[in-house]
Amino acid sequence: QLGLAGAGIFAVLLVLIAVEYAGMLRVRELAPYGIVGLAILAGFVTKSLTDDFLHRHNAAVFWALNGMLLGLASRKPGRE
């Protein structure tokens, strides 16, 4: 609905989330969160190639899982 600008902002948002998860891989205690987060993103992008995955309950689950993982990782020791 937002056109090219919305698609660009959405792509940047996904890249920033991926960078955050990749940064977690460097800290031993946070590596499982990073692996799971990157797997969720990879599954989302792969599924979205053939279908409109970001729709209704799928969107809520996708954002809730990302929020949960990022929130849990921010509470772990070793996180700066």
N, C-alpha and C. Protein backbone atom coordinates (compact mmCIF):
# COMPACT_ATOMS: atom_id res chain seq x y z
N GLN A 1 0.80 -1.19 0.00
CA GLN A 1 0.00 0.00 0.00
C GLN A 1 0.85 1.26 0.00
N LEU A 2 2.10 1.14 0.40
CA LEU A 2 2.97 2.32 0.43
C LEU A 2 3.89 2.40 -0.77
N GLY A 3 3.76 1.47 -1.69
CA GLY A 3 4.54 1.51 -2.92
C GLY A 3 6.00 1.17 -2.72
N LEU A 4 6.82 1.77 -3.57
CA LEU A 4 8.25 1.49 -3.56
C LEU A 4 8.91 1.94 -2.25
N ALA A 5 8.48 3.07 -1.73
CA ALA A 5 9.05 3.57 -0.47
C ALA A 5 8.75 2.59 0.67
N GLY A 6 7.53 2.08 0.74
CA GLY A 6 7.17 1.12 1.78
C GLY A 6 7.94 -0.18 1.65
N ALA A 7 8.11 -0.65 0.41
CA ALA A 7 8.87 -1.88 0.19
C ALA A 7 10.33 -1.69 0.60
N GLY A 8 10.88 -0.52 0.31
CA GLY A 8 12.26 -0.23 0.70
C GLY A 8 12.42 -0.17 2.21
N ILE A 9 11.49 0.49 2.88
CA ILE A 9 11.54 0.57 4.35
C ILE A 9 11.40 -0.82 4.97
N PHE A 10 10.50 -1.62 4.42
CA PHE A 10 10.31 -2.98 4.92
C PHE A 10 11.58 -3.83 4.72
N ALA A 11 12.22 -3.69 3.56
CA ALA A 11 13.46 -4.43 3.31
C ALA A 11 14.56 -4.00 4.27
N VAL A 12 14.66 -2.70 4.51
CA VAL A 12 15.67 -2.20 5.46
C VAL A 12 15.39 -2.73 6.86
N LEU A 13 14.13 -2.78 7.26
CA LEU A 13 13.75 -3.32 8.57
C LEU A 13 14.18 -4.78 8.71
N LEU A 14 13.94 -5.58 7.68
CA LEU A 14 14.35 -6.98 7.73
C LEU A 14 15.86 -7.13 7.79
N VAL A 15 16.58 -6.28 7.05
CA VAL A 15 18.04 -6.33 7.08
C VAL A 15 18.56 -5.93 8.46
N LEU A 16 17.97 -4.92 9.07
CA LEU A 16 18.41 -4.51 10.41
C LEU A 16 18.16 -5.60 11.44
N ILE A 17 17.04 -6.30 11.33
CA ILE A 17 16.78 -7.42 12.23
C ILE A 17 17.80 -8.52 12.01
N ALA A 18 18.12 -8.81 10.75
CA ALA A 18 19.11 -9.84 10.43
C ALA A 18 20.48 -9.46 10.98
N VAL A 19 20.85 -8.20 10.88
CA VAL A 19 22.14 -7.73 11.42
C VAL A 19 22.16 -7.90 12.94
N GLU A 20 21.05 -7.62 13.60
CA GLU A 20 20.98 -7.79 15.05
C GLU A 20 21.16 -9.26 15.43
N TYR A 21 20.49 -10.16 14.71
CA TYR A 21 20.64 -11.59 14.98
C TYR A 21 22.06 -12.06 14.67
N ALA A 22 22.64 -11.57 13.60
CA ALA A 22 24.02 -11.97 13.25
C ALA A 22 24.99 -11.50 14.33
N GLY A 23 24.74 -10.33 14.91
CA GLY A 23 25.59 -9.85 16.01
C GLY A 23 25.51 -10.73 17.24
N MET A 24 24.37 -11.38 17.44
CA MET A 24 24.21 -12.29 18.58
C MET A 24 25.08 -13.53 18.44
N LEU A 25 25.44 -13.88 17.22
CA LEU A 25 26.24 -15.09 17.00
C LEU A 25 27.64 -14.96 17.59
N ARG A 26 28.09 -13.73 17.82
CA ARG A 26 29.44 -13.52 18.36
C ARG A 26 29.53 -13.75 19.86
N VAL A 27 28.39 -13.74 20.54
CA VAL A 27 28.36 -13.93 22.00
C VAL A 27 27.83 -15.34 22.28
N ARG A 28 28.62 -16.12 22.98
CA ARG A 28 28.30 -17.53 23.20
C ARG A 28 26.90 -17.73 23.81
N GLU A 29 26.55 -16.92 24.79
CA GLU A 29 25.26 -17.08 25.47
C GLU A 29 24.08 -16.69 24.58
N LEU A 30 24.33 -15.84 23.60
CA LEU A 30 23.25 -15.35 22.74
C LEU A 30 23.17 -16.06 21.39
N ALA A 31 24.15 -16.90 21.09
CA ALA A 31 24.19 -17.56 19.79
C ALA A 31 22.92 -18.36 19.48
N PRO A 32 22.33 -19.09 20.43
CA PRO A 32 21.08 -19.80 20.09
C PRO A 32 19.96 -18.87 19.64
N TYR A 33 19.86 -17.70 20.26
CA TYR A 33 18.85 -16.73 19.85
C TYR A 33 19.12 -16.23 18.43
N GLY A 34 20.38 -16.00 18.14
CA GLY A 34 20.75 -15.55 16.79
C GLY A 34 20.45 -16.59 15.73
N ILE A 35 20.74 -17.84 16.05
CA ILE A 35 20.47 -18.93 15.10
C ILE A 35 18.98 -19.06 14.84
N VAL A 36 18.19 -19.07 15.89
CA VAL A 36 16.73 -19.19 15.74
C VAL A 36 16.17 -17.98 14.99
N GLY A 37 16.64 -16.79 15.32
CA GLY A 37 16.16 -15.59 14.64
C GLY A 37 16.48 -15.59 13.16
N LEU A 38 17.70 -15.97 12.82
CA LEU A 38 18.06 -16.04 11.40
C LEU A 38 17.28 -17.13 10.68
N ALA A 39 16.99 -18.22 11.36
CA ALA A 39 16.18 -19.28 10.76
C ALA A 39 14.75 -18.80 10.50
N ILE A 40 14.19 -18.05 11.44
CA ILE A 40 12.85 -17.49 11.25
C ILE A 40 12.84 -16.54 10.07
N LEU A 41 13.84 -15.66 9.99
CA LEU A 41 13.90 -14.73 8.87
C LEU A 41 14.08 -15.45 7.53
N ALA A 42 14.93 -16.47 7.51
CA ALA A 42 15.14 -17.22 6.27
C ALA A 42 13.85 -17.92 5.84
N GLY A 43 13.15 -18.51 6.79
CA GLY A 43 11.88 -19.15 6.48
C GLY A 43 10.85 -18.16 5.99
N PHE A 44 10.80 -16.99 6.61
CA PHE A 44 9.86 -15.96 6.20
C PHE A 44 10.14 -15.49 4.78
N VAL A 45 11.40 -15.20 4.49
CA VAL A 45 11.76 -14.71 3.15
C VAL A 45 11.51 -15.80 2.11
N THR A 46 11.86 -17.04 2.41
CA THR A 46 11.65 -18.14 1.47
C THR A 46 10.16 -18.35 1.21
N LYS A 47 9.36 -18.36 2.26
CA LYS A 47 7.92 -18.56 2.10
C LYS A 47 7.29 -17.39 1.35
N SER A 48 7.79 -16.18 1.56
CA SER A 48 7.22 -15.01 0.92
C SER A 48 7.54 -14.94 -0.57
N LEU A 49 8.49 -15.73 -1.05
CA LEU A 49 8.79 -15.75 -2.47
C LEU A 49 7.63 -16.32 -3.28
N THR A 50 6.85 -17.20 -2.68
CA THR A 50 5.77 -17.86 -3.41
C THR A 50 4.38 -17.55 -2.88
N ASP A 51 4.28 -16.84 -1.79
CA ASP A 51 2.98 -16.63 -1.16
C ASP A 51 3.01 -15.33 -0.37
N ASP A 52 1.84 -14.81 -0.06
CA ASP A 52 1.74 -13.62 0.79
C ASP A 52 1.71 -14.10 2.24
N PHE A 53 2.89 -14.29 2.81
CA PHE A 53 3.01 -14.87 4.15
C PHE A 53 2.67 -13.86 5.24
N LEU A 54 2.94 -12.58 5.00
CA LEU A 54 2.73 -11.55 6.01
C LEU A 54 1.27 -11.09 5.97
N HIS A 55 0.39 -11.98 6.38
CA HIS A 55 -1.04 -11.72 6.31
C HIS A 55 -1.72 -12.29 7.55
N ARG A 56 -2.53 -11.52 8.20
CA ARG A 56 -3.32 -11.89 9.37
C ARG A 56 -2.49 -12.53 10.47
N HIS A 57 -2.84 -13.76 10.88
CA HIS A 57 -2.18 -14.37 12.05
C HIS A 57 -0.71 -14.68 11.78
N ASN A 58 -0.33 -14.93 10.55
CA ASN A 58 1.08 -15.17 10.25
C ASN A 58 1.93 -13.95 10.57
N ALA A 59 1.42 -12.77 10.26
CA ALA A 59 2.14 -11.54 10.56
C ALA A 59 2.29 -11.35 12.07
N ALA A 60 1.22 -11.61 12.81
CA ALA A 60 1.29 -11.46 14.26
C ALA A 60 2.30 -12.42 14.87
N VAL A 61 2.32 -13.66 14.39
CA VAL A 61 3.28 -14.64 14.91
C VAL A 61 4.70 -14.25 14.53
N PHE A 62 4.92 -13.81 13.30
CA PHE A 62 6.26 -13.42 12.85
C PHE A 62 6.82 -12.30 13.71
N TRP A 63 6.05 -11.22 13.89
CA TRP A 63 6.54 -10.08 14.67
C TRP A 63 6.63 -10.42 16.15
N ALA A 64 5.72 -11.23 16.66
CA ALA A 64 5.78 -11.62 18.07
C ALA A 64 7.02 -12.45 18.35
N LEU A 65 7.35 -13.39 17.47
CA LEU A 65 8.55 -14.21 17.67
C LEU A 65 9.81 -13.36 17.61
N ASN A 66 9.87 -12.43 16.67
CA ASN A 66 11.04 -11.56 16.58
C ASN A 66 11.15 -10.68 17.83
N GLY A 67 10.03 -10.13 18.27
CA GLY A 67 10.05 -9.31 19.48
C GLY A 67 10.47 -10.10 20.71
N MET A 68 9.98 -11.34 20.80
CA MET A 68 10.33 -12.20 21.92
C MET A 68 11.82 -12.51 21.93
N LEU A 69 12.35 -12.90 20.77
CA LEU A 69 13.77 -13.26 20.70
C LEU A 69 14.66 -12.05 20.99
N LEU A 70 14.34 -10.92 20.41
CA LEU A 70 15.15 -9.72 20.65
C LEU A 70 15.04 -9.26 22.10
N GLY A 71 13.85 -9.39 22.68
CA GLY A 71 13.67 -9.02 24.09
C GLY A 71 14.43 -9.95 25.02
N LEU A 72 14.34 -11.25 24.77
CA LEU A 72 15.07 -12.21 25.60
C LEU A 72 16.57 -12.01 25.50
N ALA A 73 17.05 -11.77 24.29
CA ALA A 73 18.49 -11.57 24.11
C ALA A 73 18.97 -10.30 24.79
N SER A 74 18.13 -9.28 24.86
CA SER A 74 18.56 -8.03 25.50
C SER A 74 18.66 -8.19 27.02
N ARG A 75 18.02 -9.22 27.58
CA ARG A 75 18.05 -9.45 29.03
C ARG A 75 19.16 -10.40 29.46
N LYS A 76 19.83 -11.04 28.51
CA LYS A 76 20.88 -12.01 28.84
C LYS A 76 22.17 -11.31 29.21
N PRO A 77 22.96 -11.93 30.10
CA PRO A 77 24.28 -11.37 30.40
C PRO A 77 25.18 -11.43 29.16
N GLY A 78 26.06 -10.51 29.06
CA GLY A 78 26.97 -10.46 27.91
C GLY A 78 26.45 -9.54 26.82
N ARG A 79 25.26 -9.02 26.99
CA ARG A 79 24.67 -8.11 26.00
C ARG A 79 25.02 -6.70 26.40
N GLU A 80 25.58 -5.95 25.47
CA GLU A 80 25.98 -4.56 25.77
C GLU A 80 24.97 -3.60 25.25
